[in-house]
Amino acid sequence: MTRSLAHARQIAANPAELLRSAIVTACALALISAGQALPF
């Protein structure tokens, strides 16, 4: 838990890292929502 809090503080301090995390999360959510529509 301590590691995740330290990582969250580090991400909040770096806007580029925050943007990258948001993009990765959005892509993951899109893949999850696509479900069976994916051919693989």
C-alpha atoms as a PDB file:
ATOM      1  CA  MET A   1       0.000   0.000   0.000  1.00  0.00           C
ATOM      2  CA  THR A   2       2.841   2.340   0.799  1.00  0.00           C
ATOM      3  CA  ARG A   3       4.368   1.713  -2.611  1.00  0.00           C
ATOM      4  CA  SER A   4       1.134   2.569  -4.387  1.00  0.00           C
ATOM      5  CA  LEU A   5       0.770   5.800  -2.418  1.00  0.00           C
ATOM      6  CA  ALA A   6       4.335   6.794  -3.270  1.00  0.00           C
ATOM      7  CA  HIS A   7       3.687   5.975  -6.929  1.00  0.00           C
ATOM      8  CA  ALA A   8       0.487   8.041  -6.906  1.00  0.00           C
ATOM      9  CA  ARG A   9       2.379  11.012  -5.484  1.00  0.00           C
ATOM     10  CA  GLN A  10       5.048  10.633  -8.151  1.00  0.00           C
ATOM     11  CA  ILE A  11       2.442  10.517 -10.939  1.00  0.00           C
ATOM     12  CA  ALA A  12       0.664  13.589  -9.560  1.00  0.00           C
ATOM     13  CA  ALA A  13       3.965  15.482  -9.587  1.00  0.00           C
ATOM     14  CA  ASN A  14       4.575  14.750 -13.282  1.00  0.00           C
ATOM     15  CA  PRO A  15       1.821  15.887 -15.689  1.00  0.00           C
ATOM     16  CA  ALA A  16       3.250  13.868 -18.590  1.00  0.00           C
ATOM     17  CA  GLU A  17       3.075  10.699 -16.496  1.00  0.00           C
ATOM     18  CA  LEU A  18      -0.497  11.552 -15.507  1.00  0.00           C
ATOM     19  CA  LEU A  19      -1.446  11.952 -19.181  1.00  0.00           C
ATOM     20  CA  ARG A  20       0.246   8.662 -20.092  1.00  0.00           C
ATOM     21  CA  SER A  21      -1.584   6.859 -17.303  1.00  0.00           C
ATOM     22  CA  ALA A  22      -4.907   8.340 -18.439  1.00  0.00           C
ATOM     23  CA  ILE A  23      -4.299   7.185 -22.028  1.00  0.00           C
ATOM     24  CA  VAL A  24      -3.329   3.666 -20.939  1.00  0.00           C
ATOM     25  CA  THR A  25      -6.396   3.444 -18.694  1.00  0.00           C
ATOM     26  CA  ALA A  26      -8.686   4.691 -21.467  1.00  0.00           C
ATOM     27  CA  CYS A  27      -7.277   2.127 -23.897  1.00  0.00           C
ATOM     28  CA  ALA A  28      -7.712  -0.655 -21.350  1.00  0.00           C
ATOM     29  CA  LEU A  29     -11.317   0.346 -20.708  1.00  0.00           C
ATOM     30  CA  ALA A  30     -11.995   0.448 -24.463  1.00  0.00           C
ATOM     31  CA  LEU A  31     -10.591  -3.060 -24.884  1.00  0.00           C
ATOM     32  CA  ILE A  32     -12.607  -4.361 -21.936  1.00  0.00           C
ATOM     33  CA  SER A  33     -15.809  -2.779 -23.225  1.00  0.00           C
ATOM     34  CA  ALA A  34     -15.215  -4.186 -26.728  1.00  0.00           C
ATOM     35  CA  GLY A  35     -15.329  -7.703 -25.259  1.00  0.00           C
ATOM     36  CA  GLN A  36     -16.318 -10.211 -27.933  1.00  0.00           C
ATOM     37  CA  ALA A  37     -15.981  -7.701 -30.770  1.00  0.00           C
ATOM     38  CA  LEU A  38     -12.245  -8.336 -30.798  1.00  0.00           C
ATOM     39  CA  PRO A  39     -11.093 -11.066 -33.178  1.00  0.00           C
ATOM     40  CA  PHE A  40      -8.443 -12.453 -30.800  1.00  0.00           C
END
